[in-house]
């Protein structure tokens, strides 16, 4: 009887009184949704809602570590505004603003009003911007109080100053958890020496957040993720009687099978309308092609390369494992532009550039009305501008600029390309075998 009572008292003294969850993202870099050109892609603000809503609002803290867009451009100003609205609808408690974020927020006319959407912290070096460097959210769990403070620091001096201001007292009624966001990986060692910080979030090592510390020694050190593909999760368990809060880390992939949140679906449609209205596609900066070369369109190649042209036009099914059993013509290079029209992304230069010919250059694609023959992924993507080749009746070989498969089939745009390069390439073959003096951009360039 006494033994049972002792065991009961032992477990009661260490049983968790409750727990809270810190959900974090960072380095959005303007990625609001997956490209959608292939299956298996991660990310999307509209699907992130399903991750956040799985935790009760009173038991969660949602933070973003900063870098909402990569640079100051007209399109990124539109993106910044859209992401701020999305963060508001997603229920973010706190957003760290990097110096770049502060500059872009000011340029977009949003800096003064951001605090009405969510709390902001910053360690930026701009003298005329007065944002706090830390934020605390209080949680009430049964009879205990948990104060979670999130702070940001860039320099060693800032880290020591912040650490000195963080609460360290642990009582029976109130316990602190201190999280520090830093801009340099080596800053984690400085933070560890202060003994007041429980968790350090450092710059990303990959798209997925990673635990990079020994959890038994010093603070938990986590690298932030990128592009919204994953949500980092810090679980904080609060003991009922004694000891400090216990932290554990995991990641949640934002998969395409998560339910979309309709208000954010509509918000992205608003973004697409703003991009269209801004005429960003037509005003896209273009370079002069080398040697005064001009793009002439795939139809111009048909006269001498009729077999290759017809093969390209009617086949060339791109291999997508998720669609391998289907016969969808929508995945062909010859129909690449139509896939954008179906999702209303045909006014977005970031999307269009991989679905047309030569958009980076002055004689390349501008719009379907001005340059209709340069829609889709055509001959000149892989072989180069054809003007001199045609004028010389083939005596002058085509030359650069030439695209390679991986210019567009990146991990962000084509998640299933890596590991399936051979199958992808085989589906694009449009010439008679054996291969002879064909200039194309297979995975390892065939010459």
Protein backbone atom coordinates (compact mmCIF):
# COMPACT_ATOMS: atom_id res chain seq x y z
CA UNK A 1 0.00 0.00 0.00
CA UNK A 2 2.76 2.43 0.93
CA UNK A 3 4.70 1.44 -2.20
CA UNK A 4 1.69 2.17 -4.40
CA UNK A 5 1.22 5.54 -2.71
CA UNK A 6 4.88 6.38 -3.23
CA UNK A 7 4.72 5.49 -6.94
CA UNK A 8 1.54 7.55 -7.35
CA UNK A 9 3.11 10.59 -5.69
CA UNK A 10 6.29 10.18 -7.77
CA UNK A 11 4.49 10.17 -11.10
CA UNK A 12 2.13 12.97 -10.08
CA UNK A 13 5.07 15.20 -9.19
CA UNK A 14 6.53 14.84 -12.69
CA UNK A 15 3.40 14.41 -14.78
CA UNK A 16 2.98 17.23 -17.30
CA UNK A 17 0.50 19.89 -16.23
CA UNK A 18 0.02 20.65 -19.88
CA UNK A 19 1.91 21.57 -23.01
CA UNK A 20 2.05 24.26 -25.64
CA UNK A 21 3.27 24.13 -29.22
CA UNK A 22 5.50 26.66 -30.96
CA UNK A 23 4.98 26.47 -34.72
CA UNK A 24 7.53 28.32 -36.83
CA UNK A 25 8.29 29.09 -40.44
CA UNK A 26 10.89 31.31 -42.08
CA UNK A 27 12.69 32.23 -45.27
CA UNK A 28 9.46 32.33 -47.23
CA UNK A 29 11.42 34.06 -50.02
CA UNK A 30 8.23 34.84 -51.89
CA UNK A 31 7.12 31.21 -52.24
CA UNK A 32 3.37 31.35 -51.60
CA UNK A 33 2.43 28.04 -53.23
CA UNK A 34 4.12 25.19 -55.10
CA UNK A 35 4.70 25.63 -58.81
CA UNK A 36 2.21 22.87 -59.58
CA UNK A 37 4.00 21.56 -62.68
CA UNK A 38 4.42 18.09 -61.18
CA UNK A 39 3.21 16.02 -58.27
CA UNK A 40 4.90 15.56 -54.93
CA UNK A 41 5.51 19.24 -54.25
CA UNK A 42 5.44 20.69 -50.76
CA UNK A 43 4.24 24.05 -49.50
CA UNK A 44 1.41 26.51 -49.97
CA UNK A 45 0.03 29.15 -47.63
CA UNK A 46 -3.49 27.87 -48.26
CA UNK A 47 -2.53 24.37 -46.99
CA UNK A 48 -0.53 25.68 -44.02
CA UNK A 49 -3.79 26.57 -42.33
CA UNK A 50 -4.54 22.85 -41.87
CA UNK A 51 -1.28 22.44 -39.94
CA UNK A 52 -1.89 25.42 -37.66
CA UNK A 53 -5.54 24.65 -36.98
CA UNK A 54 -4.62 21.20 -35.67
CA UNK A 55 -3.43 22.94 -32.46
CA UNK A 56 -5.83 24.88 -30.28
CA UNK A 57 -5.17 28.66 -30.44
CA UNK A 58 -4.84 28.92 -26.64
CA UNK A 59 -2.05 26.31 -26.69
CA UNK A 60 0.05 27.56 -29.58
CA UNK A 61 2.50 30.27 -30.58
CA UNK A 62 3.00 30.85 -34.32
CA UNK A 63 6.12 32.71 -35.40
CA UNK A 64 8.02 33.48 -38.61
CA UNK A 65 11.75 34.04 -38.49
CA UNK A 66 11.81 36.51 -41.39
CA UNK A 67 12.91 36.96 -45.02
CA UNK A 68 9.43 37.14 -46.50
CA UNK A 69 10.65 37.94 -50.03
CA UNK A 70 14.16 37.67 -51.53
CA UNK A 71 14.71 41.19 -52.89
CA UNK A 72 13.08 44.51 -53.69
CA UNK A 73 11.24 44.24 -57.01
CA UNK A 74 7.80 45.34 -58.15
CA UNK A 75 6.53 41.77 -58.05
CA UNK A 76 8.00 41.18 -54.59
CA UNK A 77 6.24 44.28 -53.28
CA UNK A 78 2.97 42.66 -54.36
CA UNK A 79 4.08 39.38 -52.79
CA UNK A 80 5.06 41.05 -49.52
CA UNK A 81 1.63 42.62 -49.19
CA UNK A 82 -0.04 39.28 -49.99
CA UNK A 83 2.09 37.35 -47.50
CA UNK A 84 1.32 39.87 -44.75
CA UNK A 85 -2.41 39.39 -45.40
CA UNK A 86 -1.94 35.63 -45.41
CA UNK A 87 -0.03 35.67 -42.10
CA UNK A 88 -2.89 37.68 -40.60
CA UNK A 89 -5.48 35.14 -41.71
CA UNK A 90 -3.25 32.27 -40.56
CA UNK A 91 -3.15 33.69 -37.04
CA UNK A 92 0.57 34.45 -36.73
CA UNK A 93 1.44 35.83 -33.31
CA UNK A 94 4.88 37.12 -34.19
CA UNK A 95 7.02 37.91 -37.25
CA UNK A 96 10.70 38.77 -37.12
CA UNK A 97 11.55 41.44 -39.70
CA UNK A 98 15.03 41.32 -41.17
CA UNK A 99 16.57 44.57 -42.35
CA UNK A 100 15.51 43.64 -45.89
CA UNK A 101 11.95 43.00 -44.67
CA UNK A 102 11.86 46.40 -42.98
CA UNK A 103 13.02 48.15 -46.17
CA UNK A 104 10.44 46.34 -48.31
CA UNK A 105 7.66 46.88 -45.77
CA UNK A 106 8.38 50.60 -45.83
CA UNK A 107 8.51 50.68 -49.63
CA UNK A 108 5.15 48.88 -49.73
CA UNK A 109 3.68 51.40 -47.27
CA UNK A 110 3.02 48.69 -44.68
CA UNK A 111 5.63 49.28 -41.99
CA UNK A 112 3.54 51.54 -39.78
CA UNK A 113 0.54 49.21 -39.73
CA UNK A 114 2.14 45.79 -39.38
CA UNK A 115 1.68 45.67 -35.61
CA UNK A 116 -2.08 45.74 -36.11
CA UNK A 117 -1.82 42.43 -37.97
CA UNK A 118 0.66 40.63 -35.68
CA UNK A 119 3.47 41.49 -33.32
CA UNK A 120 6.82 42.33 -34.89
CA UNK A 121 10.37 42.11 -33.58
CA UNK A 122 13.58 43.09 -35.32
CA UNK A 123 17.31 43.45 -34.82
CA UNK A 124 17.71 45.60 -37.94
CA UNK A 125 20.29 48.34 -38.04
CA UNK A 126 18.07 51.14 -39.34
CA UNK A 127 18.21 54.03 -36.86
CA UNK A 128 14.79 55.47 -37.72
CA UNK A 129 12.93 52.16 -37.14
CA UNK A 130 11.92 51.45 -33.59
CA UNK A 131 10.84 47.83 -33.28
CA UNK A 132 11.29 45.74 -30.12
CA UNK A 133 13.79 42.90 -30.10
CA UNK A 134 11.66 40.51 -28.06
CA UNK A 135 8.09 39.43 -27.46
CA UNK A 136 6.47 37.36 -24.71
CA UNK A 137 3.28 35.34 -24.82
CA UNK A 138 1.83 34.00 -21.58
CA UNK A 139 0.09 30.64 -21.36
CA UNK A 140 -2.05 29.45 -18.45
CA UNK A 141 -1.91 25.69 -18.00
CA UNK A 142 -3.94 24.48 -15.05
CA UNK A 143 -2.44 26.27 -12.03
CA UNK A 144 0.86 27.10 -13.75
CA UNK A 145 1.97 29.96 -15.96
CA UNK A 146 4.35 29.55 -18.89
CA UNK A 147 5.97 32.65 -20.34
CA UNK A 148 7.43 32.05 -23.82
CA UNK A 149 9.74 34.84 -24.93
CA UNK A 150 11.01 35.06 -28.51
CA UNK A 151 13.92 37.43 -29.13
CA UNK A 152 16.16 38.28 -32.08
CA UNK A 153 19.82 39.32 -32.19
CA UNK A 154 22.42 39.75 -34.96
CA UNK A 155 25.66 40.56 -33.15
CA UNK A 156 27.39 38.96 -30.15
CA UNK A 157 26.81 42.18 -28.22
CA UNK A 158 23.08 42.02 -28.95
CA UNK A 159 22.94 38.37 -27.87
CA UNK A 160 24.56 39.12 -24.52
CA UNK A 161 22.32 42.13 -24.00
CA UNK A 162 19.17 40.16 -24.83
CA UNK A 163 20.24 37.18 -22.71
CA UNK A 164 20.75 39.46 -19.72
CA UNK A 165 17.18 40.70 -19.99
CA UNK A 166 15.52 37.29 -20.26
CA UNK A 167 13.76 35.77 -17.23
CA UNK A 168 15.50 32.81 -15.62
CA UNK A 169 13.58 32.36 -12.36
CA UNK A 170 11.67 29.12 -12.09
CA UNK A 171 8.96 28.99 -9.43
CA UNK A 172 6.06 26.72 -8.66
CA UNK A 173 3.68 29.08 -10.42
CA UNK A 174 5.64 30.60 -13.30
CA UNK A 175 8.20 29.15 -15.70
CA UNK A 176 9.96 30.83 -18.63
CA UNK A 177 10.98 29.45 -22.03
CA UNK A 178 13.34 31.66 -24.02
CA UNK A 179 13.80 31.29 -27.80
CA UNK A 180 16.41 33.31 -29.70
CA UNK A 181 16.46 33.91 -33.48
CA UNK A 182 19.94 34.69 -34.87
CA UNK A 183 21.22 35.53 -38.34
CA UNK A 184 24.57 33.70 -38.03
CA UNK A 185 25.06 29.96 -37.34
CA UNK A 186 28.07 30.62 -35.10
CA UNK A 187 25.94 32.81 -32.86
CA UNK A 188 24.43 29.66 -31.33
CA UNK A 189 27.66 29.07 -29.40
CA UNK A 190 27.52 32.58 -27.94
CA UNK A 191 23.89 32.08 -26.95
CA UNK A 192 24.71 28.77 -25.27
CA UNK A 193 27.25 30.42 -22.97
CA UNK A 194 24.62 32.75 -21.53
CA UNK A 195 22.70 29.85 -19.89
CA UNK A 196 19.40 31.75 -20.15
CA UNK A 197 18.33 30.63 -23.62
CA UNK A 198 16.46 27.36 -24.14
CA UNK A 199 16.31 27.29 -27.94
CA UNK A 200 18.23 28.99 -30.77
CA UNK A 201 16.91 29.18 -34.34
CA UNK A 202 19.74 29.69 -36.85
CA UNK A 203 19.69 30.30 -40.65
CA UNK A 204 18.52 27.40 -42.85
CA UNK A 205 20.68 24.47 -43.89
CA UNK A 206 18.01 22.98 -46.13
CA UNK A 207 14.36 23.42 -47.07
CA UNK A 208 13.42 21.34 -44.03
CA UNK A 209 14.11 22.65 -40.50
CA UNK A 210 16.71 20.54 -38.73
CA UNK A 211 17.80 19.80 -35.18
CA UNK A 212 21.55 20.43 -35.17
CA UNK A 213 22.45 20.25 -31.49
CA UNK A 214 22.87 17.65 -28.79
CA UNK A 215 19.68 18.13 -26.81
CA UNK A 216 21.46 17.04 -23.62
CA UNK A 217 24.06 19.80 -23.81
CA UNK A 218 23.12 23.50 -23.83
CA UNK A 219 20.12 24.97 -25.62
CA UNK A 220 18.28 23.24 -28.43
CA UNK A 221 19.66 24.56 -31.75
CA UNK A 222 17.41 24.36 -34.81
CA UNK A 223 17.99 25.54 -38.36
CA UNK A 224 15.02 27.25 -39.98
CA UNK A 225 13.52 25.87 -43.17
CA UNK A 226 12.91 27.52 -46.53
CA UNK A 227 10.09 28.19 -48.98
CA UNK A 228 7.26 27.12 -46.68
CA UNK A 229 7.66 23.42 -47.44
CA UNK A 230 7.70 22.46 -43.76
CA UNK A 231 6.46 23.86 -40.49
CA UNK A 232 8.84 23.52 -37.57
CA UNK A 233 7.27 22.32 -34.34
CA UNK A 234 8.66 22.85 -30.84
CA UNK A 235 6.68 20.99 -28.22
CA UNK A 236 6.98 22.46 -24.72
CA UNK A 237 5.88 20.21 -21.86
CA UNK A 238 5.37 21.82 -18.48
CA UNK A 239 6.03 19.60 -15.42
CA UNK A 240 3.43 19.84 -12.71
CA UNK A 241 5.71 20.33 -9.70
CA UNK A 242 9.44 20.56 -10.31
CA UNK A 243 12.02 20.98 -13.04
CA UNK A 244 12.24 23.14 -16.16
CA UNK A 245 9.96 22.83 -19.19
CA UNK A 246 10.97 20.07 -21.58
CA UNK A 247 11.41 20.92 -25.26
CA UNK A 248 11.21 18.53 -28.20
CA UNK A 249 11.43 19.20 -31.94
CA UNK A 250 9.80 17.79 -35.07
CA UNK A 251 8.80 18.94 -38.55
CA UNK A 252 5.48 18.84 -40.37
CA UNK A 253 5.55 18.65 -44.19
CA UNK A 254 3.00 20.84 -45.95
CA UNK A 255 1.79 18.21 -48.39
CA UNK A 256 -0.56 18.59 -51.32
CA UNK A 257 -3.16 16.31 -49.71
CA UNK A 258 -3.80 18.81 -46.90
CA UNK A 259 -7.08 20.66 -47.23
CA UNK A 260 -6.89 24.12 -48.75
CA UNK A 261 -8.21 27.09 -46.79
CA UNK A 262 -10.57 28.87 -49.16
CA UNK A 263 -9.94 32.48 -47.99
CA UNK A 264 -6.25 31.99 -48.80
CA UNK A 265 -7.11 30.41 -52.15
CA UNK A 266 -9.04 33.59 -52.94
CA UNK A 267 -6.17 35.73 -51.65
CA UNK A 268 -3.81 34.08 -54.14
CA UNK A 269 -6.29 34.79 -56.93
CA UNK A 270 -6.16 38.44 -55.87
CA UNK A 271 -2.38 38.28 -56.13
CA UNK A 272 -2.66 36.90 -59.67
CA UNK A 273 -4.98 39.75 -60.62
CA UNK A 274 -2.54 42.33 -59.24
CA UNK A 275 0.33 40.77 -61.20
CA UNK A 276 -1.77 40.90 -64.36
CA UNK A 277 -2.83 44.50 -63.78
CA UNK A 278 0.78 45.54 -63.17
CA UNK A 279 1.71 44.16 -66.64
CA UNK A 280 4.81 42.56 -65.18
CA UNK A 281 5.10 40.05 -68.00
CA UNK A 282 5.33 42.65 -70.74
CA UNK A 283 7.72 44.79 -68.71
CA UNK A 284 10.03 41.91 -67.81
CA UNK A 285 13.69 43.01 -68.26
CA UNK A 286 15.26 41.41 -71.33
CA UNK A 287 18.83 41.10 -72.54
CA UNK A 288 20.12 41.56 -76.08
CA UNK A 289 20.88 38.12 -77.56
CA UNK A 290 24.50 37.46 -78.54
CA UNK A 291 25.50 38.06 -82.17
CA UNK A 292 22.15 39.72 -82.94
CA UNK A 293 20.45 36.33 -82.98
CA UNK A 294 16.67 36.20 -83.10
CA UNK A 295 14.11 33.67 -81.98
CA UNK A 296 11.90 32.57 -84.85
CA UNK A 297 9.57 29.94 -83.34
CA UNK A 298 9.30 26.20 -83.77
CA UNK A 299 7.15 26.42 -86.92
CA UNK A 300 10.11 27.91 -88.76
CA UNK A 301 12.01 24.67 -88.17
CA UNK A 302 9.32 22.51 -89.77
CA UNK A 303 10.42 23.05 -93.38
CA UNK A 304 13.67 21.12 -92.94
CA UNK A 305 12.88 19.19 -89.78
CA UNK A 306 9.35 18.00 -90.44
CA UNK A 307 9.73 14.65 -88.65
CA UNK A 308 11.22 16.25 -85.54
CA UNK A 309 8.61 19.00 -85.51
CA UNK A 310 5.65 16.62 -85.77
CA UNK A 311 7.15 14.31 -83.17
CA UNK A 312 7.61 17.26 -80.79
CA UNK A 313 4.12 18.53 -81.53
CA UNK A 314 2.23 15.27 -81.05
CA UNK A 315 4.27 13.37 -78.46
CA UNK A 316 6.98 14.21 -75.97
CA UNK A 317 4.91 13.22 -72.94
CA UNK A 318 6.93 14.33 -69.92
CA UNK A 319 7.33 11.51 -67.39
CA UNK A 320 5.58 12.27 -64.12
CA UNK A 321 5.43 9.23 -61.81
CA UNK A 322 2.18 10.38 -60.20
CA UNK A 323 0.59 10.57 -63.66
CA UNK A 324 2.44 7.68 -65.29
CA UNK A 325 -0.77 5.70 -65.93
CA UNK A 326 -2.55 8.67 -67.46
CA UNK A 327 -2.23 10.00 -70.98
CA UNK A 328 -2.56 13.69 -70.28
CA UNK A 329 -1.37 15.88 -73.13
CA UNK A 330 -1.15 18.76 -70.66
CA UNK A 331 2.33 17.68 -69.56
CA UNK A 332 3.90 17.92 -73.03
CA UNK A 333 6.47 20.60 -73.79
CA UNK A 334 4.41 21.52 -76.86
CA UNK A 335 1.47 22.38 -74.59
CA UNK A 336 3.45 23.95 -71.76
CA UNK A 337 1.80 27.36 -71.97
CA UNK A 338 -1.71 25.89 -71.74
CA UNK A 339 -0.94 24.45 -68.31
CA UNK A 340 -0.42 28.01 -67.03
CA UNK A 341 -3.66 29.23 -68.56
CA UNK A 342 -5.60 26.53 -66.72
CA UNK A 343 -4.40 27.85 -63.34
CA UNK A 344 -4.39 31.54 -64.36
CA UNK A 345 -0.62 31.87 -63.97
CA UNK A 346 0.02 32.95 -67.56
CA UNK A 347 0.55 36.58 -66.53
CA UNK A 348 3.15 35.75 -63.89
CA UNK A 349 6.68 36.11 -65.33
CA UNK A 350 8.12 33.80 -62.67
CA UNK A 351 5.91 31.03 -64.05
CA UNK A 352 5.86 31.93 -67.74
CA UNK A 353 9.64 31.93 -68.17
CA UNK A 354 9.76 28.11 -68.06
CA UNK A 355 6.80 27.63 -70.41
CA UNK A 356 7.88 29.72 -73.40
CA UNK A 357 10.86 30.39 -75.67
CA UNK A 358 13.56 32.98 -74.92
CA UNK A 359 11.71 35.23 -72.49
CA UNK A 360 14.99 36.52 -71.06
CA UNK A 361 15.92 38.08 -74.41
CA UNK A 362 14.60 40.92 -76.52
CA UNK A 363 13.59 38.75 -79.46
CA UNK A 364 11.99 36.12 -77.23
CA UNK A 365 8.49 35.66 -75.87
CA UNK A 366 6.60 38.77 -74.78
CA UNK A 367 2.92 37.78 -74.85
CA UNK A 368 0.68 35.33 -76.70
CA UNK A 369 -0.61 38.19 -78.89
CA UNK A 370 2.75 39.78 -79.71
CA UNK A 371 4.79 36.57 -80.03
CA UNK A 372 2.35 33.68 -80.53
CA UNK A 373 4.95 31.43 -82.17
CA UNK A 374 7.12 31.53 -79.05
CA UNK A 375 4.58 30.00 -76.69
CA UNK A 376 5.41 26.60 -75.15
CA UNK A 377 8.77 24.90 -74.71
CA UNK A 378 10.02 24.68 -78.30
CA UNK A 379 13.02 23.91 -80.47
CA UNK A 380 14.95 27.03 -79.56
CA UNK A 381 14.87 26.39 -75.82
CA UNK A 382 17.32 23.52 -76.28
CA UNK A 383 18.97 24.40 -79.60
CA UNK A 384 19.27 28.19 -79.36
CA UNK A 385 17.89 31.04 -81.51
CA UNK A 386 17.35 29.88 -85.08
CA UNK A 387 17.56 33.06 -87.18
CA UNK A 388 21.05 32.54 -88.63
CA UNK A 389 20.57 28.79 -89.00
CA UNK A 390 17.47 29.36 -91.14
CA UNK A 391 18.93 32.24 -93.15
CA UNK A 392 21.93 30.10 -94.08
CA UNK A 393 19.73 27.08 -94.92
CA UNK A 394 21.41 25.11 -92.17
CA UNK A 395 25.01 26.02 -92.98
CA UNK A 396 25.34 27.96 -89.71
CA UNK A 397 24.68 25.77 -86.72
CA UNK A 398 22.50 26.99 -83.91
CA UNK A 399 24.27 28.21 -80.81
CA UNK A 400 23.55 29.71 -77.38
CA UNK A 401 21.82 30.87 -75.37
CA UNK A 402 20.63 27.32 -74.70
CA UNK A 403 18.53 26.06 -71.79
CA UNK A 404 19.21 22.85 -69.90
CA UNK A 405 16.64 20.61 -68.24
CA UNK A 406 17.62 21.73 -64.76
CA UNK A 407 17.09 25.39 -65.58
CA UNK A 408 13.41 24.69 -65.00
CA UNK A 409 13.23 21.18 -63.54
CA UNK A 410 14.45 22.28 -60.12
CA UNK A 411 13.40 20.79 -56.79
CA UNK A 412 11.01 23.73 -56.28
CA UNK A 413 9.32 23.45 -59.68
CA UNK A 414 9.62 19.76 -60.51
CA UNK A 415 9.82 17.71 -57.34
CA UNK A 416 9.81 14.34 -59.10
CA UNK A 417 12.53 15.14 -61.64
CA UNK A 418 15.45 14.23 -59.37
CA UNK A 419 16.02 10.50 -59.61
CA UNK A 420 13.86 10.19 -62.74
CA UNK A 421 16.01 12.16 -65.17
CA UNK A 422 16.32 9.29 -67.65
CA UNK A 423 12.57 8.68 -67.82
CA UNK A 424 11.88 12.39 -68.27
CA UNK A 425 14.41 12.63 -71.07
CA UNK A 426 13.17 9.55 -72.92
CA UNK A 427 9.71 11.09 -73.12
CA UNK A 428 11.08 14.13 -74.93
CA UNK A 429 12.93 12.27 -77.70
CA UNK A 430 11.71 13.64 -81.02
CA UNK A 431 14.48 12.66 -83.45
CA UNK A 432 15.32 9.54 -85.40
CA UNK A 433 17.77 7.16 -83.77
CA UNK A 434 20.71 6.83 -83.70
CA UNK A 435 21.44 10.22 -82.16
CA UNK A 436 23.82 12.14 -84.38
CA UNK A 437 25.05 15.67 -83.82
CA UNK A 438 21.89 16.58 -81.92
CA UNK A 439 22.19 19.51 -79.57
CA UNK A 440 19.71 18.94 -76.80
CA UNK A 441 19.62 19.41 -73.05
CA UNK A 442 19.28 15.96 -71.58
CA UNK A 443 20.35 15.52 -67.91
CA UNK A 444 24.00 15.18 -68.95
CA UNK A 445 24.17 17.19 -72.13
CA UNK A 446 24.19 15.02 -75.29
CA UNK A 447 26.36 16.50 -78.00
